[in-house]
Amino acid sequence: MSKILILSYFKNIPSTIIHILLWIIFLGISASQIYFKIGIIPQDFIIRSCILITAFYLNYSLLVPSLLLNKKAPLFFISLLAFGLFFMYIMEATLPKPDFFPDNNFRRPRNPNLFPPKKPSLFLINFRGFFPSGGLLLLIFALSTSVRLGIEWFKSEKQRVEIESQKVNSELSFLKAQLNPHFLFNSLNSIYSLAHKKSENTANAIVILADLMRYMIYEANKDLVPLEKEVDYIRNYMALQLLRLKDSSNVKINIHGNLNFSIEPLLLISFIENAFKYGTDFKGDTNISIKLTIEEALLKLYVYNTVSHQQQKTKNSGVGLENIKNRLKLLYPNQHTINIDSQPNSYKVNLILKLKNL
């Protein structure tokens, strides 16, 4: 928790402040190393530091964004070389040399007779002095390029994740929007069957449907619901279907295990719907077996139903199952397995799903 708080704190600090603090630390360390090495901080230290900072942000803010990121690599390297030579000329040919330098284990003043100061010249430059500054500038250019490319990569990666998340949310919303009318259509068919037979259970079926719709309106729009509520929803749906069956003796449901977990709403109902839709033969006999077991955060659902030869699949058949398959891929990637065994006379579904804690 403390790490999260620290990261959130630094995230709110403006990038300008972070840059300033990093440069202060970098220059402080550099000045300390120079002082302990030669016993004095050169007069041109601040000027050279400003040149290096200028080179860093010239590359960071101008060359990399306008050239390298726009796929103009040759022009970028040419510009980098030109600016590198320019900064090296300023640092080695125009700035004064240090008054003190190390000699073995002691320090002595520079002898002006032995080492006369060189006059700055654009063409007559002491190229031996270019190598220390050139290496430092090369490091600065490499560092600024790496930092800018890293920041751009993180930005693009963040945008990619956001776009992918929006895509997933849009697909889930679309799938849920499809599921609700599909469920309502099947439920109304069941009530119509009761009303057509003038069954006394019609009123009771409407009450149960109202409870089901209440769950769909107030619970199904949530990301997660308690597994116990989802199981109650399945039981109510089965109660609605049993009202229209003349023989429900072969309809069995067994639920075992701890229901103290969370699950995405309306994730299992399509398997139950499909069983009741195709599990009744032309004689009106229904053969359905449902087993729901929860073992150590693993949900195991087994659904079996017979299939009558009289049942003809229409163009819209299987919409609910395909819907759930897509939702499982989006919501439980690498956290579920589903096997469907479709035979001429039977239909079996085996689903194993890793549940989430409440």
Protein backbone atom coordinates (compact mmCIF):
# COMPACT_ATOMS: atom_id res chain seq x y z
CA MET A 1 0.00 0.00 0.00
CA SER A 2 2.86 2.40 0.83
CA LYS A 3 4.44 1.79 -2.59
CA ILE A 4 1.16 2.63 -4.30
CA LEU A 5 0.86 5.86 -2.30
CA ILE A 6 4.43 6.85 -3.18
CA LEU A 7 3.87 6.18 -6.89
CA SER A 8 0.60 8.14 -6.88
CA TYR A 9 2.39 11.02 -5.12
CA PHE A 10 5.17 11.20 -7.73
CA LYS A 11 2.61 10.87 -10.52
CA ASN A 12 1.04 14.17 -9.43
CA ILE A 13 4.37 16.07 -9.52
CA PRO A 14 4.79 18.16 -12.69
CA SER A 15 7.41 16.78 -15.09
CA THR A 16 9.28 20.12 -15.04
CA ILE A 17 9.92 19.78 -11.30
CA ILE A 18 11.14 16.21 -11.78
CA HIS A 19 13.54 17.31 -14.53
CA ILE A 20 14.92 20.11 -12.37
CA LEU A 21 15.44 17.80 -9.39
CA LEU A 22 17.19 15.19 -11.54
CA TRP A 23 19.55 17.78 -13.02
CA ILE A 24 20.36 19.16 -9.57
CA ILE A 25 21.22 15.66 -8.38
CA PHE A 26 23.27 14.92 -11.52
CA LEU A 27 25.22 18.18 -11.38
CA GLY A 28 25.74 17.85 -7.64
CA ILE A 29 27.26 14.39 -8.06
CA SER A 30 29.43 15.59 -10.97
CA ALA A 31 30.70 18.62 -9.03
CA SER A 32 31.52 16.44 -6.02
CA GLN A 33 33.49 13.98 -8.13
CA ILE A 34 35.47 16.77 -9.79
CA TYR A 35 36.23 18.43 -6.46
CA PHE A 36 37.48 15.23 -4.85
CA LYS A 37 39.58 14.50 -7.92
CA ILE A 38 41.36 17.86 -8.48
CA GLY A 39 40.54 19.74 -5.29
CA ILE A 40 38.72 22.57 -7.04
CA ILE A 41 35.61 23.11 -9.13
CA PRO A 42 36.60 24.68 -12.49
CA GLN A 43 35.34 28.14 -13.30
CA ASP A 44 33.71 26.90 -16.49
CA PHE A 45 31.78 24.07 -14.78
CA ILE A 46 28.47 25.94 -14.83
CA ILE A 47 28.91 27.01 -18.46
CA ARG A 48 29.78 23.47 -19.57
CA SER A 49 26.82 22.11 -17.60
CA CYS A 50 24.49 24.59 -19.29
CA ILE A 51 25.83 23.51 -22.69
CA LEU A 52 25.18 19.85 -21.86
CA ILE A 53 21.67 20.64 -20.62
CA THR A 54 21.03 22.64 -23.80
CA ALA A 55 22.25 19.70 -25.90
CA PHE A 56 20.02 17.32 -23.94
CA TYR A 57 16.83 19.32 -24.46
CA LEU A 58 17.65 20.27 -28.04
CA ASN A 59 17.70 16.59 -28.86
CA TYR A 60 14.89 15.66 -26.43
CA SER A 61 12.43 18.38 -27.46
CA LEU A 62 13.33 19.09 -31.09
CA LEU A 63 15.42 16.53 -32.95
CA VAL A 64 13.83 13.31 -31.69
CA PRO A 65 10.15 14.42 -31.99
CA SER A 66 10.49 16.24 -35.32
CA LEU A 67 12.95 13.94 -37.08
CA LEU A 68 13.45 10.51 -35.50
CA LEU A 69 9.80 9.93 -34.56
CA ASN A 70 8.75 11.12 -38.03
CA LYS A 71 10.94 8.45 -39.65
CA LYS A 72 13.64 10.88 -40.81
CA ALA A 73 16.53 8.94 -39.30
CA PRO A 74 19.26 10.05 -41.79
CA LEU A 75 18.46 13.73 -41.24
CA PHE A 76 18.30 13.11 -37.49
CA PHE A 77 21.82 11.63 -37.35
CA ILE A 78 23.21 14.36 -39.61
CA SER A 79 21.68 17.04 -37.37
CA LEU A 80 22.97 15.24 -34.29
CA LEU A 81 26.50 15.20 -35.73
CA ALA A 82 26.34 18.88 -36.69
CA PHE A 83 25.11 19.99 -33.27
CA GLY A 84 27.62 17.69 -31.59
CA LEU A 85 30.54 19.29 -33.44
CA PHE A 86 29.15 22.73 -32.67
CA PHE A 87 28.88 22.08 -28.94
CA MET A 88 32.31 20.44 -28.84
CA TYR A 89 33.84 23.49 -30.51
CA ILE A 90 32.27 25.77 -27.92
CA MET A 91 33.40 23.59 -25.01
CA GLU A 92 36.98 22.88 -26.16
CA ALA A 93 37.99 25.82 -28.34
CA THR A 94 36.41 28.82 -26.70
CA LEU A 95 36.07 28.08 -22.98
CA PRO A 96 39.05 28.73 -20.68
CA LYS A 97 41.05 25.80 -19.34
CA PRO A 98 41.13 24.96 -15.63
CA ASP A 99 43.74 26.77 -13.51
CA PHE A 100 44.60 23.56 -11.62
CA PHE A 101 45.05 20.00 -12.80
CA PRO A 102 46.11 16.76 -11.12
CA ASP A 103 49.64 15.47 -11.43
CA ASN A 104 50.09 12.02 -9.89
CA ASN A 105 49.11 12.31 -6.18
CA PHE A 106 49.54 16.08 -5.76
CA ARG A 107 48.14 19.21 -7.33
CA ARG A 108 50.10 22.13 -8.69
CA PRO A 109 49.25 25.26 -10.63
CA ARG A 110 49.28 25.19 -14.40
CA ASN A 111 52.56 26.66 -15.76
CA PRO A 112 51.60 29.26 -18.37
CA ASN A 113 55.05 29.03 -19.98
CA LEU A 114 54.79 25.27 -20.50
CA PHE A 115 51.10 25.33 -21.35
CA PRO A 116 50.30 28.64 -23.05
CA PRO A 117 46.59 29.27 -23.53
CA LYS A 118 45.37 28.44 -27.00
CA LYS A 119 43.55 31.03 -29.00
CA PRO A 120 40.15 29.94 -30.21
CA SER A 121 40.08 29.10 -33.87
CA LEU A 122 37.37 27.51 -35.91
CA PHE A 123 39.84 25.59 -38.08
CA LEU A 124 42.88 25.11 -35.82
CA ILE A 125 41.31 23.11 -33.02
CA ASN A 126 43.08 20.84 -30.56
CA PHE A 127 41.30 17.64 -31.54
CA ARG A 128 42.78 15.78 -28.56
CA GLY A 129 40.54 17.86 -26.35
CA PHE A 130 37.53 16.84 -28.37
CA PHE A 131 37.42 13.27 -27.10
CA PRO A 132 36.39 13.91 -23.45
CA SER A 133 33.70 16.41 -24.46
CA GLY A 134 32.69 14.30 -27.45
CA GLY A 135 32.17 11.25 -25.26
CA LEU A 136 30.14 13.29 -22.78
CA LEU A 137 28.01 14.79 -25.54
CA LEU A 138 27.50 11.36 -27.05
CA LEU A 139 26.29 10.13 -23.66
CA ILE A 140 23.94 13.13 -23.32
CA PHE A 141 22.52 12.60 -26.83
CA ALA A 142 22.07 8.86 -26.23
CA LEU A 143 20.42 9.50 -22.86
CA SER A 144 18.03 12.15 -24.18
CA THR A 145 17.11 9.96 -27.17
CA SER A 146 16.47 6.95 -24.93
CA VAL A 147 14.40 8.96 -22.45
CA ARG A 148 12.25 10.53 -25.18
CA LEU A 149 11.73 7.23 -27.01
CA GLY A 150 10.87 5.55 -23.71
CA ILE A 151 8.30 8.23 -22.85
CA GLU A 152 6.74 8.01 -26.32
CA TRP A 153 6.58 4.22 -26.05
CA PHE A 154 4.83 4.42 -22.68
CA LYS A 155 2.37 6.96 -24.11
CA SER A 156 1.56 4.80 -27.11
CA GLU A 157 1.28 1.71 -24.90
CA LYS A 158 -1.07 3.54 -22.54
CA GLN A 159 -3.20 4.65 -25.48
CA ARG A 160 -3.22 1.12 -26.86
CA VAL A 161 -4.38 -0.28 -23.51
CA GLU A 162 -7.08 2.40 -23.21
CA ILE A 163 -8.32 1.71 -26.74
CA GLU A 164 -8.33 -2.03 -26.07
CA SER A 165 -10.20 -1.48 -22.79
CA GLN A 166 -12.78 0.73 -24.53
CA LYS A 167 -13.16 -1.90 -27.24
CA VAL A 168 -13.71 -4.66 -24.66
CA ASN A 169 -16.22 -2.54 -22.73
CA SER A 170 -18.08 -1.72 -25.94
CA GLU A 171 -18.21 -5.39 -26.92
CA LEU A 172 -19.43 -6.40 -23.46
CA SER A 173 -22.12 -3.72 -23.51
CA PHE A 174 -23.22 -4.92 -26.93
CA LEU A 175 -23.30 -8.54 -25.80
CA LYS A 176 -25.33 -7.65 -22.69
CA ALA A 177 -27.73 -5.62 -24.82
CA GLN A 178 -28.20 -8.69 -27.01
CA LEU A 179 -28.68 -11.01 -24.05
CA ASN A 180 -31.55 -9.16 -22.38
CA PRO A 181 -33.96 -9.24 -25.37
CA HIS A 182 -32.96 -12.86 -26.03
CA PHE A 183 -33.85 -13.83 -22.47
CA LEU A 184 -37.09 -11.84 -22.50
CA PHE A 185 -38.11 -13.43 -25.79
CA ASN A 186 -37.67 -16.97 -24.39
CA SER A 187 -39.43 -16.11 -21.12
CA LEU A 188 -42.39 -14.56 -22.89
CA ASN A 189 -42.66 -17.68 -25.02
CA SER A 190 -42.95 -19.72 -21.84
CA ILE A 191 -45.69 -17.45 -20.43
CA TYR A 192 -47.49 -17.48 -23.77
CA SER A 193 -47.52 -21.26 -23.61
CA LEU A 194 -49.16 -21.11 -20.17
CA ALA A 195 -51.67 -18.49 -21.27
CA HIS A 196 -52.54 -20.48 -24.39
CA LYS A 197 -53.35 -23.48 -22.17
CA LYS A 198 -55.28 -21.15 -19.83
CA SER A 199 -53.12 -22.44 -17.00
CA GLU A 200 -53.74 -21.21 -13.50
CA ASN A 201 -49.97 -20.77 -13.19
CA THR A 202 -49.89 -17.87 -15.64
CA ALA A 203 -50.19 -15.23 -12.93
CA ASN A 204 -47.47 -16.90 -10.88
CA ALA A 205 -45.24 -17.02 -13.98
CA ILE A 206 -45.67 -13.28 -14.48
CA VAL A 207 -44.62 -12.65 -10.86
CA ILE A 208 -41.51 -14.77 -11.34
CA LEU A 209 -40.73 -12.97 -14.59
CA ALA A 210 -41.02 -9.65 -12.75
CA ASP A 211 -38.43 -10.86 -10.23
CA LEU A 212 -36.15 -11.94 -13.06
CA MET A 213 -36.49 -8.60 -14.82
CA ARG A 214 -35.84 -6.75 -11.55
CA TYR A 215 -32.54 -8.63 -11.24
CA MET A 216 -31.63 -7.83 -14.82
CA ILE A 217 -32.38 -4.13 -14.39
CA TYR A 218 -30.75 -3.51 -11.02
CA GLU A 219 -28.00 -6.13 -10.87
CA ALA A 220 -27.01 -7.06 -14.42
CA ASN A 221 -25.52 -3.63 -15.14
CA LYS A 222 -22.86 -4.20 -12.47
CA ASP A 223 -19.44 -5.61 -13.25
CA LEU A 224 -19.70 -8.29 -10.58
CA VAL A 225 -22.51 -9.74 -8.49
CA PRO A 226 -22.48 -12.25 -5.62
CA LEU A 227 -22.58 -15.80 -6.95
CA GLU A 228 -25.47 -16.53 -4.59
CA LYS A 229 -27.65 -13.94 -6.36
CA GLU A 230 -26.76 -15.40 -9.74
CA VAL A 231 -27.71 -18.87 -8.52
CA ASP A 232 -31.05 -17.52 -7.18
CA TYR A 233 -31.65 -16.00 -10.60
CA ILE A 234 -31.06 -19.40 -12.24
CA ARG A 235 -33.44 -21.07 -9.77
CA ASN A 236 -36.16 -18.49 -10.51
CA TYR A 237 -35.73 -19.01 -14.23
CA MET A 238 -36.05 -22.77 -13.78
CA ALA A 239 -39.16 -22.27 -11.64
CA LEU A 240 -40.66 -20.25 -14.50
CA GLN A 241 -39.89 -23.01 -16.99
CA LEU A 242 -41.21 -25.77 -14.74
CA LEU A 243 -44.61 -24.08 -14.61
CA ARG A 244 -45.17 -24.79 -18.28
CA LEU A 245 -43.99 -28.41 -18.21
CA LYS A 246 -46.52 -31.16 -17.78
CA ASP A 247 -43.82 -33.51 -16.49
CA SER A 248 -40.79 -32.11 -14.68
CA SER A 249 -39.67 -35.32 -12.99
CA ASN A 250 -36.58 -35.58 -15.19
CA VAL A 251 -35.46 -32.02 -14.55
CA LYS A 252 -32.74 -32.10 -11.92
CA ILE A 253 -30.43 -29.47 -10.48
CA ASN A 254 -27.69 -29.99 -7.90
CA ILE A 255 -25.69 -27.14 -6.40
CA HIS A 256 -22.80 -27.80 -4.04
CA GLY A 257 -20.02 -25.74 -2.55
CA ASN A 258 -19.29 -22.31 -1.16
CA LEU A 259 -21.18 -19.53 -2.93
CA ASN A 260 -19.16 -16.77 -1.28
CA PHE A 261 -17.63 -15.55 -4.56
CA SER A 262 -18.32 -13.01 -7.29
CA ILE A 263 -19.22 -13.56 -10.91
CA GLU A 264 -20.19 -11.48 -13.91
CA PRO A 265 -24.00 -11.27 -14.07
CA LEU A 266 -26.00 -13.36 -16.54
CA LEU A 267 -22.97 -15.44 -17.43
CA LEU A 268 -24.50 -18.92 -16.95
CA ILE A 269 -28.13 -18.44 -17.82
CA SER A 270 -27.76 -19.05 -21.57
CA PHE A 271 -26.63 -22.63 -20.95
CA ILE A 272 -29.78 -23.18 -18.85
CA GLU A 273 -32.00 -21.49 -21.44
CA ASN A 274 -30.58 -23.65 -24.19
CA ALA A 275 -31.26 -26.82 -22.18
CA PHE A 276 -34.93 -25.94 -21.66
CA LYS A 277 -35.33 -24.78 -25.26
CA TYR A 278 -34.11 -28.03 -26.79
CA GLY A 279 -34.56 -30.46 -23.89
CA THR A 280 -38.26 -31.13 -24.48
CA ASP A 281 -39.23 -33.72 -27.07
CA PHE A 282 -42.32 -33.80 -29.25
CA LYS A 283 -44.22 -35.73 -26.55
CA GLY A 284 -43.66 -32.96 -24.02
CA ASP A 285 -41.16 -34.95 -21.95
CA THR A 286 -38.19 -32.98 -20.65
CA ASN A 287 -34.86 -34.48 -19.66
CA ILE A 288 -32.41 -31.95 -18.18
CA SER A 289 -29.61 -32.40 -15.67
CA ILE A 290 -27.72 -29.43 -14.19
CA LYS A 291 -24.81 -29.71 -11.77
CA LEU A 292 -23.11 -26.68 -10.31
CA THR A 293 -20.09 -27.30 -8.07
CA ILE A 294 -17.74 -24.78 -6.47
CA GLU A 295 -14.38 -26.13 -5.31
CA GLU A 296 -11.67 -23.74 -4.11
CA ALA A 297 -12.72 -20.79 -6.31
CA LEU A 298 -13.33 -23.05 -9.31
CA LEU A 299 -16.87 -23.18 -10.65
CA LYS A 300 -17.77 -26.35 -12.52
CA LEU A 301 -21.00 -26.31 -14.50
CA TYR A 302 -22.37 -29.39 -16.20
CA VAL A 303 -25.55 -29.16 -18.26
CA TYR A 304 -27.12 -32.11 -20.07
CA ASN A 305 -30.30 -32.24 -22.09
CA THR A 306 -31.82 -34.55 -24.63
CA VAL A 307 -32.50 -33.23 -28.12
CA SER A 308 -35.66 -34.14 -29.98
CA HIS A 309 -35.57 -34.86 -33.71
CA GLN A 310 -38.58 -32.56 -33.97
CA GLN A 311 -36.54 -29.58 -32.75
CA GLN A 312 -35.48 -27.56 -35.78
CA LYS A 313 -32.84 -24.92 -35.28
CA THR A 314 -33.65 -21.57 -36.80
CA LYS A 315 -31.26 -18.89 -38.05
CA ASN A 316 -31.25 -17.25 -34.59
CA SER A 317 -30.65 -20.48 -32.70
CA GLY A 318 -27.56 -20.50 -30.55
CA VAL A 319 -27.31 -16.69 -30.28
CA GLY A 320 -27.21 -16.89 -26.50
CA LEU A 321 -24.45 -19.53 -26.41
CA GLU A 322 -22.26 -17.68 -28.88
CA ASN A 323 -22.87 -14.55 -26.84
CA ILE A 324 -21.63 -16.26 -23.65
CA LYS A 325 -18.60 -17.73 -25.41
CA ASN A 326 -17.57 -14.26 -26.51
CA ARG A 327 -18.11 -12.85 -23.04
CA LEU A 328 -16.02 -15.61 -21.51
CA LYS A 329 -13.17 -14.82 -23.90
CA LEU A 330 -13.29 -11.16 -22.94
CA LEU A 331 -13.87 -11.51 -19.20
CA TYR A 332 -11.95 -14.68 -18.36
CA PRO A 333 -9.01 -14.99 -20.75
CA ASN A 334 -6.96 -18.06 -19.83
CA GLN A 335 -9.20 -18.54 -16.78
CA HIS A 336 -11.86 -20.81 -18.18
CA THR A 337 -12.36 -23.94 -20.24
CA ILE A 338 -15.54 -24.88 -22.03
CA ASN A 339 -16.36 -28.10 -23.83
CA ILE A 340 -19.59 -28.61 -25.74
CA ASP A 341 -20.55 -32.06 -26.94
CA SER A 342 -23.38 -31.85 -29.44
CA GLN A 343 -24.84 -35.19 -30.48
CA PRO A 344 -27.97 -35.96 -32.54
CA ASN A 345 -29.89 -36.97 -29.40
CA SER A 346 -28.09 -35.08 -26.62
CA TYR A 347 -26.29 -31.89 -25.77
CA LYS A 348 -23.66 -31.50 -23.03
CA VAL A 349 -21.83 -28.47 -21.69
CA ASN A 350 -18.84 -28.60 -19.35
CA LEU A 351 -17.62 -25.26 -18.08
CA ILE A 352 -14.79 -24.68 -15.60
CA LEU A 353 -14.36 -21.10 -14.47
CA LYS A 354 -12.04 -19.41 -12.00
CA LEU A 355 -14.18 -17.26 -9.70
CA LYS A 356 -13.33 -13.92 -8.14
CA ASN A 357 -13.52 -13.18 -4.43
CA LEU A 358 -16.22 -10.94 -3.04
